[in-house]
């Protein structure tokens, strides 16, 4: 309400329109922060929220610097292909020749 009363006339004078100030970015940030808070194991009020916001600020700062997040790739210990592991491998087992019956899940 403060922005509507005191800043909208200023924005109209400066920019001629108000559509650039819809707060959609802030709403999306709120959605992401809320989701991160409820998915975290540290739901201890203000301290947890502070940690989430600080982490998000660090990530955005690194993205602005041009850093990219590395993703780890895993190779299957049965067939050595990427993208799956021995539990989800569809190739024959190296040891006995059947579908991975020697996998740790059996």
PDB file of N, CA and C in Angstrom:
ATOM      1  N   UNK A   1       0.830  -1.189   0.000  1.00  0.00           N
ATOM      2  CA  UNK A   1       0.000   0.000   0.000  1.00  0.00           C
ATOM      3  C   UNK A   1       0.878   1.258   0.000  1.00  0.00           C
ATOM      4  N   UNK A   2       1.993   1.180   0.708  1.00  0.00           N
ATOM      5  CA  UNK A   2       2.904   2.314   0.752  1.00  0.00           C
ATOM      6  C   UNK A   2       3.384   2.657  -0.663  1.00  0.00           C
ATOM      7  N   UNK A   3       3.764   1.636  -1.431  1.00  0.00           N
ATOM      8  CA  UNK A   3       4.270   1.871  -2.786  1.00  0.00           C
ATOM      9  C   UNK A   3       3.190   2.479  -3.673  1.00  0.00           C
ATOM     10  N   UNK A   4       1.960   1.980  -3.529  1.00  0.00           N
ATOM     11  CA  UNK A   4       0.875   2.537  -4.349  1.00  0.00           C
ATOM     12  C   UNK A   4       0.643   4.017  -4.040  1.00  0.00           C
ATOM     13  N   UNK A   5       0.661   4.356  -2.781  1.00  0.00           N
ATOM     14  CA  UNK A   5       0.357   5.729  -2.393  1.00  0.00           C
ATOM     15  C   UNK A   5       1.499   6.687  -2.714  1.00  0.00           C
ATOM     16  N   UNK A   6       2.735   6.291  -2.392  1.00  0.00           N
ATOM     17  CA  UNK A   6       3.836   7.236  -2.478  1.00  0.00           C
ATOM     18  C   UNK A   6       4.723   7.090  -3.717  1.00  0.00           C
ATOM     19  N   UNK A   7       4.777   5.917  -4.313  1.00  0.00           N
ATOM     20  CA  UNK A   7       5.744   5.716  -5.384  1.00  0.00           C
ATOM     21  C   UNK A   7       5.141   5.580  -6.785  1.00  0.00           C
ATOM     22  N   UNK A   8       3.886   5.211  -6.902  1.00  0.00           N
ATOM     23  CA  UNK A   8       3.279   5.078  -8.237  1.00  0.00           C
ATOM     24  C   UNK A   8       3.305   6.402  -9.003  1.00  0.00           C
ATOM     25  N   UNK A   9       2.936   7.523  -8.394  1.00  0.00           N
ATOM     26  CA  UNK A   9       3.036   8.784  -9.159  1.00  0.00           C
ATOM     27  C   UNK A   9       4.460   9.072  -9.623  1.00  0.00           C
ATOM     28  N   UNK A  10       5.435   8.732  -8.783  1.00  0.00           N
ATOM     29  CA  UNK A  10       6.841   8.928  -9.161  1.00  0.00           C
ATOM     30  C   UNK A  10       7.219   8.033 -10.339  1.00  0.00           C
ATOM     31  N   UNK A  11       6.796   6.759 -10.311  1.00  0.00           N
ATOM     32  CA  UNK A  11       7.087   5.844 -11.417  1.00  0.00           C
ATOM     33  C   UNK A  11       6.431   6.318 -12.708  1.00  0.00           C
ATOM     34  N   UNK A  12       5.218   6.820 -12.615  1.00  0.00           N
ATOM     35  CA  UNK A  12       4.524   7.303 -13.803  1.00  0.00           C
ATOM     36  C   UNK A  12       5.249   8.502 -14.411  1.00  0.00           C
ATOM     37  N   UNK A  13       5.758   9.377 -13.564  1.00  0.00           N
ATOM     38  CA  UNK A  13       6.513  10.527 -14.076  1.00  0.00           C
ATOM     39  C   UNK A  13       7.824  10.088 -14.723  1.00  0.00           C
ATOM     40  N   UNK A  14       8.524   9.154 -14.085  1.00  0.00           N
ATOM     41  CA  UNK A  14       9.829   8.730 -14.581  1.00  0.00           C
ATOM     42  C   UNK A  14       9.743   7.817 -15.808  1.00  0.00           C
ATOM     43  N   UNK A  15       8.835   6.842 -15.762  1.00  0.00           N
ATOM     44  CA  UNK A  15       8.826   5.798 -16.781  1.00  0.00           C
ATOM     45  C   UNK A  15       7.603   5.820 -17.685  1.00  0.00           C
ATOM     46  N   UNK A  16       6.584   6.565 -17.327  1.00  0.00           N
ATOM     47  CA  UNK A  16       5.394   6.685 -18.160  1.00  0.00           C
ATOM     48  C   UNK A  16       4.433   5.516 -18.048  1.00  0.00           C
ATOM     49  N   UNK A  17       4.837   4.444 -17.408  1.00  0.00           N
ATOM     50  CA  UNK A  17       3.963   3.283 -17.226  1.00  0.00           C
ATOM     51  C   UNK A  17       4.312   2.579 -15.923  1.00  0.00           C
ATOM     52  N   UNK A  18       3.428   1.730 -15.487  1.00  0.00           N
ATOM     53  CA  UNK A  18       3.649   1.036 -14.218  1.00  0.00           C
ATOM     54  C   UNK A  18       3.789  -0.467 -14.404  1.00  0.00           C
ATOM     55  N   UNK A  19       3.637  -0.966 -15.621  1.00  0.00           N
ATOM     56  CA  UNK A  19       3.640  -2.417 -15.848  1.00  0.00           C
ATOM     57  C   UNK A  19       4.986  -3.066 -15.516  1.00  0.00           C
ATOM     58  N   UNK A  20       6.064  -2.310 -15.464  1.00  0.00           N
ATOM     59  CA  UNK A  20       7.367  -2.882 -15.124  1.00  0.00           C
ATOM     60  C   UNK A  20       7.495  -3.215 -13.649  1.00  0.00           C
ATOM     61  N   UNK A  21       6.557  -2.800 -12.843  1.00  0.00           N
ATOM     62  CA  UNK A  21       6.647  -2.961 -11.393  1.00  0.00           C
ATOM     63  C   UNK A  21       5.512  -3.835 -10.865  1.00  0.00           C
ATOM     64  N   UNK A  22       5.335  -5.009 -11.452  1.00  0.00           N
ATOM     65  CA  UNK A  22       4.214  -5.871 -11.080  1.00  0.00           C
ATOM     66  C   UNK A  22       4.499  -6.787  -9.910  1.00  0.00           C
ATOM     67  N   UNK A  23       5.743  -6.879  -9.463  1.00  0.00           N
ATOM     68  CA  UNK A  23       6.151  -7.716  -8.333  1.00  0.00           C
ATOM     69  C   UNK A  23       6.096  -9.212  -8.639  1.00  0.00           C
ATOM     70  N   UNK A  24       6.062  -9.604  -9.908  1.00  0.00           N
ATOM     71  CA  UNK A  24       6.046 -11.027 -10.237  1.00  0.00           C
ATOM     72  C   UNK A  24       7.339 -11.715  -9.801  1.00  0.00           C
ATOM     73  N   UNK A  25       8.450 -11.031  -9.956  1.00  0.00           N
ATOM     74  CA  UNK A  25       9.722 -11.610  -9.530  1.00  0.00           C
ATOM     75  C   UNK A  25       9.766 -11.850  -8.035  1.00  0.00           C
ATOM     76  N   UNK A  26       9.248 -10.920  -7.274  1.00  0.00           N
ATOM     77  CA  UNK A  26       9.210 -11.069  -5.825  1.00  0.00           C
ATOM     78  C   UNK A  26       8.291 -12.212  -5.412  1.00  0.00           C
ATOM     79  N   UNK A  27       7.168 -12.359  -6.096  1.00  0.00           N
ATOM     80  CA  UNK A  27       6.253 -13.457  -5.801  1.00  0.00           C
ATOM     81  C   UNK A  27       6.908 -14.809  -6.081  1.00  0.00           C
ATOM     82  N   UNK A  28       7.656 -14.906  -7.182  1.00  0.00           N
ATOM     83  CA  UNK A  28       8.345 -16.152  -7.512  1.00  0.00           C
ATOM     84  C   UNK A  28       9.423 -16.456  -6.477  1.00  0.00           C
ATOM     85  N   UNK A  29      10.159 -15.442  -6.051  1.00  0.00           N
ATOM     86  CA  UNK A  29      11.165 -15.624  -5.011  1.00  0.00           C
ATOM     87  C   UNK A  29      10.520 -16.116  -3.720  1.00  0.00           C
ATOM     88  N   UNK A  30       9.368 -15.578  -3.377  1.00  0.00           N
ATOM     89  CA  UNK A  30       8.640 -16.007  -2.192  1.00  0.00           C
ATOM     90  C   UNK A  30       8.220 -17.472  -2.323  1.00  0.00           C
ATOM     91  N   UNK A  31       7.743 -17.871  -3.499  1.00  0.00           N
ATOM     92  CA  UNK A  31       7.349 -19.263  -3.722  1.00  0.00           C
ATOM     93  C   UNK A  31       8.540 -20.202  -3.542  1.00  0.00           C
ATOM     94  N   UNK A  32       9.678 -19.854  -4.145  1.00  0.00           N
ATOM     95  CA  UNK A  32      10.868 -20.700  -4.047  1.00  0.00           C
ATOM     96  C   UNK A  32      11.374 -20.779  -2.614  1.00  0.00           C
ATOM     97  N   UNK A  33      11.391 -19.657  -1.918  1.00  0.00           N
ATOM     98  CA  UNK A  33      11.877 -19.629  -0.539  1.00  0.00           C
ATOM     99  C   UNK A  33      10.971 -20.444   0.371  1.00  0.00           C
ATOM    100  N   UNK A  34       9.664 -20.327   0.175  1.00  0.00           N
ATOM    101  CA  UNK A  34       8.709 -21.102   0.971  1.00  0.00           C
ATOM    102  C   UNK A  34       8.904 -22.587   0.729  1.00  0.00           C
ATOM    103  N   UNK A  35       9.064 -22.976  -0.534  1.00  0.00           N
ATOM    104  CA  UNK A  35       9.282 -24.382  -0.878  1.00  0.00           C
ATOM    105  C   UNK A  35      10.575 -24.888  -0.249  1.00  0.00           C
ATOM    106  N   UNK A  36      11.646 -24.108  -0.351  1.00  0.00           N
ATOM    107  CA  UNK A  36      12.925 -24.514   0.237  1.00  0.00           C
ATOM    108  C   UNK A  36      12.831 -24.643   1.754  1.00  0.00           C
ATOM    109  N   UNK A  37      12.087 -23.745   2.388  1.00  0.00           N
ATOM    110  CA  UNK A  37      11.947 -23.785   3.839  1.00  0.00           C
ATOM    111  C   UNK A  37      11.239 -25.062   4.278  1.00  0.00           C
ATOM    112  N   UNK A  38      10.131 -25.403   3.624  1.00  0.00           N
ATOM    113  CA  UNK A  38       9.370 -26.572   4.059  1.00  0.00           C
ATOM    114  C   UNK A  38      10.014 -27.886   3.636  1.00  0.00           C
ATOM    115  N   UNK A  39      10.928 -27.860   2.666  1.00  0.00           N
ATOM    116  CA  UNK A  39      11.660 -29.075   2.294  1.00  0.00           C
ATOM    117  C   UNK A  39      12.912 -29.262   3.127  1.00  0.00           C
ATOM    118  N   UNK A  40      13.326 -28.250   3.848  1.00  0.00           N
ATOM    119  CA  UNK A  40      14.559 -28.343   4.623  1.00  0.00           C
ATOM    120  C   UNK A  40      14.329 -29.125   5.912  1.00  0.00           C
ATOM    121  N   UNK A  41      15.418 -29.612   6.473  1.00  0.00           N
ATOM    122  CA  UNK A  41      15.325 -30.314   7.752  1.00  0.00           C
ATOM    123  C   UNK A  41      15.491 -29.349   8.919  1.00  0.00           C
ATOM    124  N   UNK A  42      15.991 -28.160   8.640  1.00  0.00           N
ATOM    125  CA  UNK A  42      16.230 -27.163   9.675  1.00  0.00           C
ATOM    126  C   UNK A  42      15.095 -26.134   9.662  1.00  0.00           C
ATOM    127  N   UNK A  43      13.951 -26.490  10.189  1.00  0.00           N
ATOM    128  CA  UNK A  43      12.814 -25.573  10.221  1.00  0.00           C
ATOM    129  C   UNK A  43      12.705 -24.927  11.598  1.00  0.00           C
ATOM    130  N   UNK A  44      13.717 -24.168  11.940  1.00  0.00           N
ATOM    131  CA  UNK A  44      13.757 -23.562  13.261  1.00  0.00           C
ATOM    132  C   UNK A  44      13.560 -22.056  13.186  1.00  0.00           C
ATOM    133  N   UNK A  45      12.530 -21.653  12.492  1.00  0.00           N
ATOM    134  CA  UNK A  45      12.139 -20.256  12.486  1.00  0.00           C
ATOM    135  C   UNK A  45      13.046 -19.342  11.696  1.00  0.00           C
ATOM    136  N   UNK A  46      13.360 -18.215  12.284  1.00  0.00           N
ATOM    137  CA  UNK A  46      14.062 -17.141  11.605  1.00  0.00           C
ATOM    138  C   UNK A  46      15.480 -17.527  11.192  1.00  0.00           C
ATOM    139  N   UNK A  47      16.171 -18.338  12.004  1.00  0.00           N
ATOM    140  CA  UNK A  47      17.523 -18.762  11.643  1.00  0.00           C
ATOM    141  C   UNK A  47      17.531 -19.581  10.359  1.00  0.00           C
ATOM    142  N   UNK A  48      16.569 -20.493  10.216  1.00  0.00           N
ATOM    143  CA  UNK A  48      16.487 -21.316   9.007  1.00  0.00           C
ATOM    144  C   UNK A  48      16.166 -20.457   7.796  1.00  0.00           C
ATOM    145  N   UNK A  49      15.258 -19.533   7.953  1.00  0.00           N
ATOM    146  CA  UNK A  49      14.895 -18.648   6.851  1.00  0.00           C
ATOM    147  C   UNK A  49      16.069 -17.765   6.442  1.00  0.00           C
ATOM    148  N   UNK A  50      16.825 -17.299   7.429  1.00  0.00           N
ATOM    149  CA  UNK A  50      18.021 -16.499   7.140  1.00  0.00           C
ATOM    150  C   UNK A  50      19.031 -17.307   6.344  1.00  0.00           C
ATOM    151  N   UNK A  51      19.238 -18.569   6.719  1.00  0.00           N
ATOM    152  CA  UNK A  51      20.159 -19.432   5.982  1.00  0.00           C
ATOM    153  C   UNK A  51      19.716 -19.630   4.541  1.00  0.00           C
ATOM    154  N   UNK A  52      18.421 -19.829   4.326  1.00  0.00           N
ATOM    155  CA  UNK A  52      17.901 -20.039   2.971  1.00  0.00           C
ATOM    156  C   UNK A  52      18.105 -18.799   2.114  1.00  0.00           C
ATOM    157  N   UNK A  53      17.815 -17.644   2.661  1.00  0.00           N
ATOM    158  CA  UNK A  53      17.962 -16.398   1.902  1.00  0.00           C
ATOM    159  C   UNK A  53      19.436 -16.126   1.608  1.00  0.00           C
ATOM    160  N   UNK A  54      20.317 -16.367   2.571  1.00  0.00           N
ATOM    161  CA  UNK A  54      21.749 -16.167   2.337  1.00  0.00           C
ATOM    162  C   UNK A  54      22.272 -17.123   1.270  1.00  0.00           C
ATOM    163  N   UNK A  55      21.829 -18.376   1.297  1.00  0.00           N
ATOM    164  CA  UNK A  55      22.248 -19.340   0.285  1.00  0.00           C
ATOM    165  C   UNK A  55      21.773 -18.899  -1.093  1.00  0.00           C
ATOM    166  N   UNK A  56      20.522 -18.459  -1.197  1.00  0.00           N
ATOM    167  CA  UNK A  56      19.987 -18.010  -2.486  1.00  0.00           C
ATOM    168  C   UNK A  56      20.763 -16.792  -2.992  1.00  0.00           C
ATOM    169  N   UNK A  57      21.119 -15.870  -2.098  1.00  0.00           N
ATOM    170  CA  UNK A  57      21.904 -14.702  -2.502  1.00  0.00           C
ATOM    171  C   UNK A  57      23.282 -15.106  -3.013  1.00  0.00           C
ATOM    172  N   UNK A  58      23.925 -16.082  -2.338  1.00  0.00           N
ATOM    173  CA  UNK A  58      25.231 -16.557  -2.810  1.00  0.00           C
ATOM    174  C   UNK A  58      25.117 -17.202  -4.181  1.00  0.00           C
ATOM    175  N   UNK A  59      24.088 -18.000  -4.391  1.00  0.00           N
ATOM    176  CA  UNK A  59      23.898 -18.661  -5.683  1.00  0.00           C
ATOM    177  C   UNK A  59      23.669 -17.640  -6.788  1.00  0.00           C
ATOM    178  N   UNK A  60      22.837 -16.643  -6.532  1.00  0.00           N
ATOM    179  CA  UNK A  60      22.571 -15.616  -7.547  1.00  0.00           C
ATOM    180  C   UNK A  60      23.829 -14.800  -7.836  1.00  0.00           C
ATOM    181  N   UNK A  61      24.620 -14.527  -6.802  1.00  0.00           N
ATOM    182  CA  UNK A  61      25.868 -13.782  -6.996  1.00  0.00           C
ATOM    183  C   UNK A  61      26.827 -14.572  -7.886  1.00  0.00           C
ATOM    184  N   UNK A  62      26.954 -15.872  -7.631  1.00  0.00           N
ATOM    185  CA  UNK A  62      27.840 -16.697  -8.447  1.00  0.00           C
ATOM    186  C   UNK A  62      27.329 -16.808  -9.882  1.00  0.00           C
ATOM    187  N   UNK A  63      26.011 -16.891 -10.061  1.00  0.00           N
ATOM    188  CA  UNK A  63      25.451 -16.919 -11.414  1.00  0.00           C
ATOM    189  C   UNK A  63      25.735 -15.618 -12.143  1.00  0.00           C
ATOM    190  N   UNK A  64      25.647 -14.505 -11.429  1.00  0.00           N
ATOM    191  CA  UNK A  64      25.950 -13.200 -12.041  1.00  0.00           C
ATOM    192  C   UNK A  64      27.405 -13.102 -12.467  1.00  0.00           C
ATOM    193  N   UNK A  65      28.295 -13.792 -11.749  1.00  0.00           N
ATOM    194  CA  UNK A  65      29.711 -13.789 -12.098  1.00  0.00           C
ATOM    195  C   UNK A  65      30.018 -14.711 -13.271  1.00  0.00           C
ATOM    196  N   UNK A  66      29.039 -15.508 -13.679  1.00  0.00           N
ATOM    197  CA  UNK A  66      29.227 -16.408 -14.810  1.00  0.00           C
ATOM    198  C   UNK A  66      29.542 -17.842 -14.424  1.00  0.00           C
ATOM    199  N   UNK A  67      29.494 -18.150 -13.137  1.00  0.00           N
ATOM    200  CA  UNK A  67      29.754 -19.514 -12.698  1.00  0.00           C
ATOM    201  C   UNK A  67      28.573 -20.407 -13.057  1.00  0.00           C
ATOM    202  N   UNK A  68      28.864 -21.646 -13.389  1.00  0.00           N
ATOM    203  CA  UNK A  68      27.812 -22.606 -13.697  1.00  0.00           C
ATOM    204  C   UNK A  68      27.888 -23.758 -12.717  1.00  0.00           C
ATOM    205  N   UNK A  69      26.737 -24.311 -12.410  1.00  0.00           N
ATOM    206  CA  UNK A  69      26.674 -25.427 -11.480  1.00  0.00           C
ATOM    207  C   UNK A  69      27.077 -26.712 -12.198  1.00  0.00           C
ATOM    208  N   UNK A  70      27.959 -27.470 -11.564  1.00  0.00           N
ATOM    209  CA  UNK A  70      28.382 -28.739 -12.131  1.00  0.00           C
ATOM    210  C   UNK A  70      27.458 -29.835 -11.632  1.00  0.00           C
ATOM    211  N   UNK A  71      27.105 -30.729 -12.529  1.00  0.00           N
ATOM    212  CA  UNK A  71      26.316 -31.879 -12.131  1.00  0.00           C
ATOM    213  C   UNK A  71      27.204 -33.106 -12.187  1.00  0.00           C
ATOM    214  N   UNK A  72      27.045 -33.965 -11.218  1.00  0.00           N
ATOM    215  CA  UNK A  72      27.839 -35.181 -11.161  1.00  0.00           C
ATOM    216  C   UNK A  72      27.219 -36.229 -12.065  1.00  0.00           C
ATOM    217  N   UNK A  73      28.056 -36.965 -12.759  1.00  0.00           N
ATOM    218  CA  UNK A  73      27.572 -38.062 -13.577  1.00  0.00           C
ATOM    219  C   UNK A  73      28.010 -39.370 -12.938  1.00  0.00           C
ATOM    220  N   UNK A  74      27.146 -40.340 -12.988  1.00  0.00           N
ATOM    221  CA  UNK A  74      27.421 -41.639 -12.405  1.00  0.00           C
ATOM    222  C   UNK A  74      27.471 -42.679 -13.517  1.00  0.00           C
ATOM    223  N   UNK A  75      28.377 -43.604 -13.385  1.00  0.00           N
ATOM    224  CA  UNK A  75      28.463 -44.717 -14.314  1.00  0.00           C
ATOM    225  C   UNK A  75      27.955 -45.972 -13.619  1.00  0.00           C
ATOM    226  N   UNK A  76      27.242 -46.785 -14.374  1.00  0.00           N
ATOM    227  CA  UNK A  76      26.729 -48.046 -13.845  1.00  0.00           C
ATOM    228  C   UNK A  76      27.901 -48.988 -13.586  1.00  0.00           C
ATOM    229  N   UNK A  77      27.896 -49.652 -12.437  1.00  0.00           N
ATOM    230  CA  UNK A  77      28.986 -50.578 -12.126  1.00  0.00           C
ATOM    231  C   UNK A  77      28.823 -51.905 -12.853  1.00  0.00           C
ATOM    232  N   UNK A  78      27.685 -52.097 -13.506  1.00  0.00           N
ATOM    233  CA  UNK A  78      27.470 -53.331 -14.261  1.00  0.00           C
ATOM    234  C   UNK A  78      27.874 -53.166 -15.727  1.00  0.00           C
ATOM    235  N   UNK A  79      27.357 -52.139 -16.409  1.00  0.00           N
ATOM    236  CA  UNK A  79      27.608 -51.986 -17.844  1.00  0.00           C
ATOM    237  C   UNK A  79      28.468 -50.766 -18.178  1.00  0.00           C
ATOM    238  N   UNK A  80      28.819 -49.950 -17.189  1.00  0.00           N
ATOM    239  CA  UNK A  80      29.665 -48.768 -17.327  1.00  0.00           C
ATOM    240  C   UNK A  80      29.029 -47.645 -18.136  1.00  0.00           C
ATOM    241  N   UNK A  81      27.732 -47.716 -18.398  1.00  0.00           N
ATOM    242  CA  UNK A  81      27.042 -46.638 -19.110  1.00  0.00           C
ATOM    243  C   UNK A  81      26.656 -45.537 -18.124  1.00  0.00           C
ATOM    244  N   UNK A  82      26.501 -44.319 -18.626  1.00  0.00           N
ATOM    245  CA  UNK A  82      26.110 -43.195 -17.780  1.00  0.00           C
ATOM    246  C   UNK A  82      24.588 -43.092 -17.718  1.00  0.00           C
ATOM    247  N   UNK A  83      24.101 -42.464 -16.671  1.00  0.00           N
ATOM    248  CA  UNK A  83      22.678 -42.150 -16.561  1.00  0.00           C
ATOM    249  C   UNK A  83      21.875 -43.106 -15.715  1.00  0.00           C
ATOM    250  N   UNK A  84      22.466 -44.201 -15.286  1.00  0.00           N
ATOM    251  CA  UNK A  84      21.756 -45.122 -14.394  1.00  0.00           C
ATOM    252  C   UNK A  84      22.776 -45.853 -13.531  1.00  0.00           C
ATOM    253  N   UNK A  85      22.283 -46.660 -12.602  1.00  0.00           N
ATOM    254  CA  UNK A  85      23.176 -47.425 -11.737  1.00  0.00           C
ATOM    255  C   UNK A  85      22.813 -48.899 -11.824  1.00  0.00           C
ATOM    256  N   UNK A  86      23.454 -49.722 -11.034  1.00  0.00           N
ATOM    257  CA  UNK A  86      23.226 -51.163 -11.116  1.00  0.00           C
ATOM    258  C   UNK A  86      21.808 -51.546 -10.702  1.00  0.00           C
ATOM    259  N   UNK A  87      21.173 -50.744  -9.889  1.00  0.00           N
ATOM    260  CA  UNK A  87      19.813 -51.051  -9.458  1.00  0.00           C
ATOM    261  C   UNK A  87      18.800 -50.861 -10.579  1.00  0.00           C
ATOM    262  N   UNK A  88      19.085 -49.980 -11.510  1.00  0.00           N
ATOM    263  CA  UNK A  88      18.158 -49.722 -12.606  1.00  0.00           C
ATOM    264  C   UNK A  88      18.690 -50.194 -13.958  1.00  0.00           C
ATOM    265  N   UNK A  89      19.801 -50.913 -13.948  1.00  0.00           N
ATOM    266  CA  UNK A  89      20.434 -51.380 -15.191  1.00  0.00           C
ATOM    267  C   UNK A  89      19.563 -52.450 -15.844  1.00  0.00           C
ATOM    268  N   UNK A  90      19.453 -52.389 -17.163  1.00  0.00           N
ATOM    269  CA  UNK A  90      18.662 -53.360 -17.915  1.00  0.00           C
ATOM    270  C   UNK A  90      19.551 -54.339 -18.689  1.00  0.00           C
ATOM    271  N   UNK A  91      20.866 -54.215 -18.538  1.00  0.00           N
ATOM    272  CA  UNK A  91      21.786 -55.124 -19.216  1.00  0.00           C
ATOM    273  C   UNK A  91      21.957 -56.404 -18.400  1.00  0.00           C
ATOM    274  N   UNK A  92      22.532 -57.417 -19.052  1.00  0.00           N
ATOM    275  CA  UNK A  92      22.804 -58.662 -18.344  1.00  0.00           C
ATOM    276  C   UNK A  92      23.897 -58.439 -17.305  1.00  0.00           C
ATOM    277  N   UNK A  93      23.844 -59.221 -16.258  1.00  0.00           N
ATOM    278  CA  UNK A  93      24.810 -59.110 -15.171  1.00  0.00           C
ATOM    279  C   UNK A  93      26.187 -59.566 -15.646  1.00  0.00           C
ATOM    280  N   UNK A  94      27.244 -58.873 -15.217  1.00  0.00           N
ATOM    281  CA  UNK A  94      28.611 -59.244 -15.573  1.00  0.00           C
ATOM    282  C   UNK A  94      29.026 -60.567 -14.942  1.00  0.00           C
ATOM    283  N   UNK A  95      28.471 -60.895 -13.782  1.00  0.00           N
ATOM    284  CA  UNK A  95      28.895 -62.069 -13.038  1.00  0.00           C
ATOM    285  C   UNK A  95      28.168 -63.332 -13.470  1.00  0.00           C
ATOM    286  N   UNK A  96      26.833 -63.279 -13.545  1.00  0.00           N
ATOM    287  CA  UNK A  96      26.079 -64.509 -13.797  1.00  0.00           C
ATOM    288  C   UNK A  96      25.374 -64.535 -15.155  1.00  0.00           C
ATOM    289  N   UNK A  97      25.303 -63.417 -15.862  1.00  0.00           N
ATOM    290  CA  UNK A  97      24.702 -63.402 -17.187  1.00  0.00           C
ATOM    291  C   UNK A  97      23.217 -63.094 -17.213  1.00  0.00           C
ATOM    292  N   UNK A  98      22.557 -63.061 -16.070  1.00  0.00           N
ATOM    293  CA  UNK A  98      21.140 -62.733 -16.025  1.00  0.00           C
ATOM    294  C   UNK A  98      20.968 -61.239 -15.781  1.00  0.00           C
ATOM    295  N   UNK A  99      19.717 -60.772 -15.893  1.00  0.00           N
ATOM    296  CA  UNK A  99      19.443 -59.367 -15.546  1.00  0.00           C
ATOM    297  C   UNK A  99      19.978 -59.139 -14.148  1.00  0.00           C
ATOM    298  N   UNK A 100      20.567 -57.996 -13.855  1.00  0.00           N
ATOM    299  CA  UNK A 100      21.447 -57.828 -12.689  1.00  0.00           C
ATOM    300  C   UNK A 100      20.951 -58.463 -11.402  1.00  0.00           C
ATOM    301  N   UNK A 101      21.092 -59.792 -11.340  1.00  0.00           N
ATOM    302  CA  UNK A 101      20.673 -60.488 -10.122  1.00  0.00           C
ATOM    303  C   UNK A 101      21.713 -60.379  -9.018  1.00  0.00           C
ATOM    304  N   UNK A 102      22.935 -60.015  -9.359  1.00  0.00           N
ATOM    305  CA  UNK A 102      23.984 -59.881  -8.359  1.00  0.00           C
ATOM    306  C   UNK A 102      24.023 -58.469  -7.776  1.00  0.00           C
ATOM    307  N   UNK A 103      23.048 -57.655  -8.118  1.00  0.00           N
ATOM    308  CA  UNK A 103      23.033 -56.288  -7.609  1.00  0.00           C
ATOM    309  C   UNK A 103      22.784 -56.308  -6.113  1.00  0.00           C
ATOM    310  N   UNK A 104      23.184 -55.266  -5.419  1.00  0.00           N
ATOM    311  CA  UNK A 104      23.054 -55.228  -3.954  1.00  0.00           C
ATOM    312  C   UNK A 104      21.605 -55.277  -3.467  1.00  0.00           C
ATOM    313  N   UNK A 105      20.627 -55.021  -4.338  1.00  0.00           N
ATOM    314  CA  UNK A 105      19.239 -54.990  -3.882  1.00  0.00           C
ATOM    315  C   UNK A 105      18.671 -56.379  -3.702  1.00  0.00           C
ATOM    316  N   UNK A 106      19.347 -57.405  -4.194  1.00  0.00           N
ATOM    317  CA  UNK A 106      18.801 -58.752  -4.117  1.00  0.00           C
ATOM    318  C   UNK A 106      19.385 -59.519  -2.975  1.00  0.00           C
TER     319      UNK A 106
END
